[in-house]
């Protein structure tokens, strides 16, 4: 399973992808559409994706959640996560609504959404999803402090039953700083947007320092091509057991956090 993929409606995909490319100053490798993502999956042998998009402004959240839920109904290859925005009206009501839509978690991108992970206004949201839904956080951009690992560490200390995934090895551009905060705290990580930057040797070291049971495979599509990302991951000097955990079993464990609230049990 690719646990980290973004998709957008056709009418806004080009604009959304261009905006992400400008934010990170890199050329994008996908066009952000469902069809392009599935085509890469077929090439790479990826059978399932966790898909989402982050609301840049408060008014986008409900429409994004509707779109992701619709995409998941149309494509059994998808599991959907919803989005919220700190400044939206009635975010707690939207949590219940997105659960009713069948979405299985929530994705936050603090840097793009411009809120600190440990903002006091987020605490009611974390309390509402703790023990109910997994949450993926973009973490660790050296250009901003919104997603600094120390902020997520504070949240984890205050919400010990929160199932959190700290994307990009816990700190996209500051993975070693992230280790200081996360090695002794309960959270998961994904490998997206990381392997090419930190190198294969350091990636294996970090996976084994944390434990392979805490990692998920992810591509961060459309920034990268999932098929190429899977090839890069499978080339790592990890055991078959470690790879199976990261590619399949850990994702199943994380998604079980949502089973009791989505009607699957």
Protein backbone atom coordinates (compact mmCIF):
# COMPACT_ATOMS: atom_id res chain seq x y z
CA UNK A 1 0.00 0.00 0.00
CA UNK A 2 1.06 3.54 -0.80
CA UNK A 3 -0.06 5.37 2.34
CA UNK A 4 0.64 8.92 1.14
CA UNK A 5 -0.91 10.11 -2.13
CA UNK A 6 -2.72 13.34 -2.99
CA UNK A 7 -5.47 13.55 -5.61
CA UNK A 8 -7.48 16.47 -7.00
CA UNK A 9 -10.55 16.96 -9.22
CA UNK A 10 -9.72 17.41 -12.89
CA UNK A 11 -10.81 21.03 -12.96
CA UNK A 12 -8.29 22.12 -10.31
CA UNK A 13 -5.58 19.44 -10.59
CA UNK A 14 -3.21 21.46 -12.78
CA UNK A 15 -3.46 24.51 -10.52
CA UNK A 16 -3.03 22.46 -7.34
CA UNK A 17 0.00 20.60 -8.68
CA UNK A 18 1.61 23.83 -9.87
CA UNK A 19 1.07 25.37 -6.45
CA UNK A 20 2.78 22.46 -4.70
CA UNK A 21 5.69 22.63 -7.12
CA UNK A 22 6.11 26.33 -6.40
CA UNK A 23 5.94 25.75 -2.65
CA UNK A 24 8.77 23.20 -2.76
CA UNK A 25 10.64 24.55 -5.80
CA UNK A 26 10.70 21.18 -7.54
CA UNK A 27 9.24 19.78 -10.79
CA UNK A 28 6.24 17.58 -10.13
CA UNK A 29 6.19 14.03 -11.50
CA UNK A 30 2.42 13.47 -11.61
CA UNK A 31 -0.56 15.49 -12.75
CA UNK A 32 -2.61 14.94 -9.58
CA UNK A 33 -5.47 13.04 -11.20
CA UNK A 34 -6.93 9.70 -10.18
CA UNK A 35 -6.15 8.20 -13.58
CA UNK A 36 -2.49 9.19 -13.46
CA UNK A 37 -2.09 7.80 -9.95
CA UNK A 38 -3.69 4.49 -10.84
CA UNK A 39 -1.57 4.19 -13.98
CA UNK A 40 1.59 4.56 -11.90
CA UNK A 41 0.25 1.98 -9.49
CA UNK A 42 -0.28 -0.48 -12.31
CA UNK A 43 3.27 0.06 -13.56
CA UNK A 44 4.72 -0.44 -10.11
CA UNK A 45 2.46 -3.20 -8.83
CA UNK A 46 0.91 -1.00 -6.13
CA UNK A 47 -2.57 -2.30 -5.42
CA UNK A 48 -3.87 0.20 -2.90
CA UNK A 49 -3.47 3.88 -2.00
CA UNK A 50 -4.43 6.06 0.93
CA UNK A 51 -5.53 9.30 -0.71
CA UNK A 52 -6.18 12.79 0.61
CA UNK A 53 -5.77 16.51 0.07
CA UNK A 54 -5.30 19.36 2.56
CA UNK A 55 -7.64 22.34 2.77
CA UNK A 56 -5.62 25.51 2.15
CA UNK A 57 -8.50 27.70 3.37
CA UNK A 58 -11.39 26.93 5.74
CA UNK A 59 -14.08 26.83 3.08
CA UNK A 60 -12.40 24.05 1.11
CA UNK A 61 -12.56 21.31 3.73
CA UNK A 62 -16.09 20.02 3.22
CA UNK A 63 -15.82 19.96 -0.58
CA UNK A 64 -12.49 18.13 -0.41
CA UNK A 65 -13.95 15.54 1.94
CA UNK A 66 -16.87 15.02 -0.42
CA UNK A 67 -14.50 14.58 -3.35
CA UNK A 68 -12.21 12.11 -1.58
CA UNK A 69 -15.19 10.07 -0.39
CA UNK A 70 -16.59 9.98 -3.93
CA UNK A 71 -13.23 8.88 -5.36
CA UNK A 72 -13.08 6.06 -2.84
CA UNK A 73 -16.59 4.87 -3.73
CA UNK A 74 -15.63 4.80 -7.40
CA UNK A 75 -12.22 3.16 -6.92
CA UNK A 76 -11.83 0.23 -4.52
CA UNK A 77 -8.07 0.76 -4.78
CA UNK A 78 -8.46 3.81 -2.52
CA UNK A 79 -8.82 4.41 1.20
CA UNK A 80 -9.64 8.03 1.92
CA UNK A 81 -8.54 10.44 4.63
CA UNK A 82 -10.36 13.70 5.20
CA UNK A 83 -9.14 17.19 5.90
CA UNK A 84 -9.98 19.97 8.34
CA UNK A 85 -8.84 23.57 8.70
CA UNK A 86 -8.17 25.17 12.06
CA UNK A 87 -10.25 28.25 11.19
CA UNK A 88 -13.30 26.50 9.72
CA UNK A 89 -16.66 26.74 11.42
CA UNK A 90 -17.69 23.69 13.43
CA UNK A 91 -14.65 21.44 12.78
CA UNK A 92 -15.98 18.93 15.31
CA UNK A 93 -19.17 18.57 13.29
CA UNK A 94 -17.08 17.99 10.16
CA UNK A 95 -15.22 15.20 11.93
CA UNK A 96 -18.50 13.37 12.44
CA UNK A 97 -19.57 14.10 8.87
CA UNK A 98 -16.36 12.79 7.31
CA UNK A 99 -16.64 9.64 9.40
CA UNK A 100 -20.14 9.23 8.03
CA UNK A 101 -18.73 9.58 4.52
CA UNK A 102 -16.52 6.55 5.19
CA UNK A 103 -13.23 8.42 5.44
CA UNK A 104 -10.72 6.62 7.62
CA UNK A 105 -8.48 9.37 9.00
CA UNK A 106 -7.41 13.01 8.69
CA UNK A 107 -4.46 14.66 6.95
CA UNK A 108 -2.94 17.97 8.07
CA UNK A 109 -0.25 19.98 6.29
CA UNK A 110 0.69 22.62 8.88
CA UNK A 111 3.12 24.48 6.64
CA UNK A 112 0.69 24.94 3.75
CA UNK A 113 -2.28 25.44 6.08
CA UNK A 114 -0.19 27.82 8.22
CA UNK A 115 -0.95 26.56 11.70
CA UNK A 116 1.31 25.22 14.41
CA UNK A 117 0.67 21.56 15.18
CA UNK A 118 0.42 22.43 18.88
CA UNK A 119 -1.80 25.49 18.39
CA UNK A 120 -4.23 25.63 21.30
CA UNK A 121 -7.10 25.93 18.83
CA UNK A 122 -6.27 22.41 17.57
CA UNK A 123 -6.60 20.72 20.93
CA UNK A 124 -10.37 20.14 20.72
CA UNK A 125 -9.84 18.50 17.33
CA UNK A 126 -7.19 16.13 18.69
CA UNK A 127 -9.42 15.30 21.64
CA UNK A 128 -12.27 14.48 19.27
CA UNK A 129 -10.21 12.05 17.15
CA UNK A 130 -7.99 10.53 19.84
CA UNK A 131 -8.61 6.80 19.88
CA UNK A 132 -10.98 7.12 16.91
CA UNK A 133 -9.12 8.13 13.75
CA UNK A 134 -5.48 8.11 12.67
CA UNK A 135 -3.99 11.48 11.73
CA UNK A 136 -1.19 12.11 9.22
CA UNK A 137 0.90 15.22 9.79
CA UNK A 138 3.35 16.71 7.33
CA UNK A 139 6.37 17.28 9.57
CA UNK A 140 9.69 19.07 9.52
CA UNK A 141 10.27 21.90 7.03
CA UNK A 142 13.44 23.84 7.79
CA UNK A 143 11.82 26.99 6.35
CA UNK A 144 8.96 27.08 8.86
CA UNK A 145 8.26 26.16 12.47
CA UNK A 146 4.61 25.16 12.05
CA UNK A 147 5.45 21.46 11.65
CA UNK A 148 8.56 21.21 13.81
CA UNK A 149 8.82 17.80 15.50
CA UNK A 150 8.83 19.43 18.92
CA UNK A 151 5.27 20.62 18.29
CA UNK A 152 3.98 17.17 17.44
CA UNK A 153 5.86 15.77 20.44
CA UNK A 154 3.87 18.08 22.69
CA UNK A 155 0.62 16.88 21.14
CA UNK A 156 1.61 13.24 21.57
CA UNK A 157 2.37 13.85 25.23
CA UNK A 158 -1.03 15.45 25.77
CA UNK A 159 -2.98 12.89 23.71
CA UNK A 160 -1.34 9.52 24.37
CA UNK A 161 -4.04 7.55 22.49
CA UNK A 162 -3.75 9.65 19.33
CA UNK A 163 -2.69 7.47 16.38
CA UNK A 164 -0.33 9.88 14.62
CA UNK A 165 1.71 9.38 11.47
CA UNK A 166 4.64 11.80 11.24
CA UNK A 167 5.24 11.94 7.50
CA UNK A 168 8.66 12.03 5.85
CA UNK A 169 10.61 10.16 8.55
CA UNK A 170 9.11 12.54 11.10
CA UNK A 171 10.86 15.57 9.68
CA UNK A 172 11.03 16.14 5.95
CA UNK A 173 14.24 18.21 5.98
CA UNK A 174 15.31 17.63 9.60
CA UNK A 175 15.14 13.86 10.11
CA UNK A 176 17.91 13.74 12.72
CA UNK A 177 16.26 16.45 14.81
CA UNK A 178 13.03 14.48 14.51
CA UNK A 179 14.68 11.39 15.97
CA UNK A 180 15.48 13.28 19.17
CA UNK A 181 11.77 13.94 19.69
CA UNK A 182 10.14 10.78 18.41
CA UNK A 183 12.33 7.79 19.21
CA UNK A 184 10.71 7.34 22.63
CA UNK A 185 7.19 8.50 21.77
CA UNK A 186 4.30 6.53 20.27
CA UNK A 187 3.80 7.42 16.63
CA UNK A 188 4.26 6.07 13.12
CA UNK A 189 6.27 7.45 10.22
CA UNK A 190 6.15 7.22 6.45
CA UNK A 191 9.07 7.13 4.04
CA UNK A 192 7.63 9.56 1.49
CA UNK A 193 9.68 12.44 0.04
CA UNK A 194 12.72 11.25 1.97
CA UNK A 195 14.74 8.38 0.52
CA UNK A 196 16.46 10.34 -2.23
CA UNK A 197 17.36 13.11 0.20
CA UNK A 198 18.73 11.16 3.13
CA UNK A 199 20.19 8.25 1.16
CA UNK A 200 19.66 4.51 1.39
CA UNK A 201 22.16 3.89 4.17
CA UNK A 202 20.74 6.55 6.52
CA UNK A 203 17.17 5.46 5.70
CA UNK A 204 17.92 1.90 6.81
CA UNK A 205 19.66 3.17 9.95
CA UNK A 206 16.66 5.27 10.94
CA UNK A 207 14.15 2.53 10.17
CA UNK A 208 16.07 0.18 12.45
CA UNK A 209 16.64 2.80 15.15
CA UNK A 210 12.89 3.43 15.36
CA UNK A 211 11.81 -0.10 14.43
CA UNK A 212 10.35 -1.21 11.11
CA UNK A 213 7.00 -1.78 12.83
CA UNK A 214 6.60 2.02 12.98
CA UNK A 215 6.98 2.77 9.25
CA UNK A 216 4.64 3.01 6.27
CA UNK A 217 5.48 3.16 2.58
CA UNK A 218 4.35 6.33 0.83
CA UNK A 219 5.19 8.18 -2.37
CA UNK A 220 3.81 11.71 -1.80
CA UNK A 221 2.27 11.61 -5.28
CA UNK A 222 2.08 13.84 -7.36
CA UNK A 223 5.45 15.13 -6.17
CA UNK A 224 6.95 11.77 -7.07
CA UNK A 225 6.05 8.74 -9.19
CA UNK A 226 4.79 5.92 -6.94
CA UNK A 227 6.24 3.19 -9.17
CA UNK A 228 9.70 4.78 -8.98
CA UNK A 229 9.35 5.30 -5.23
CA UNK A 230 8.47 1.65 -4.68
CA UNK A 231 11.48 0.57 -6.71
CA UNK A 232 13.71 2.83 -4.61
CA UNK A 233 12.25 1.48 -1.38
CA UNK A 234 12.49 -2.20 -2.30
CA UNK A 235 16.18 -1.68 -3.13
CA UNK A 236 16.91 -0.79 0.51
CA UNK A 237 18.95 -3.29 2.49
CA UNK A 238 16.03 -4.43 4.62
CA UNK A 239 14.82 -7.94 5.34
CA UNK A 240 11.73 -9.34 3.65
CA UNK A 241 9.98 -9.17 7.02
CA UNK A 242 10.82 -5.49 7.47
CA UNK A 243 9.64 -4.69 3.96
CA UNK A 244 6.39 -6.58 4.47
CA UNK A 245 5.71 -4.58 7.63
CA UNK A 246 6.33 -1.27 5.88
CA UNK A 247 4.54 -2.12 2.65
CA UNK A 248 1.49 -3.85 4.08
CA UNK A 249 1.07 -4.87 7.70
CA UNK A 250 1.68 -1.56 9.43
CA UNK A 251 -0.87 0.17 7.21
CA UNK A 252 -3.45 -2.43 8.20
CA UNK A 253 -2.67 -1.75 11.86
CA UNK A 254 -3.05 2.01 11.45
CA UNK A 255 -6.34 1.68 9.57
CA UNK A 256 -7.72 -0.51 12.32
CA UNK A 257 -7.80 2.68 14.40
CA UNK A 258 -10.76 3.74 12.25
CA UNK A 259 -12.64 0.45 12.09
CA UNK A 260 -14.92 1.04 15.06
CA UNK A 261 -16.10 4.42 13.74
CA UNK A 262 -16.70 3.62 10.08
CA UNK A 263 -19.05 0.69 10.42
CA UNK A 264 -16.55 -2.02 9.42
CA UNK A 265 -16.71 -3.89 12.70
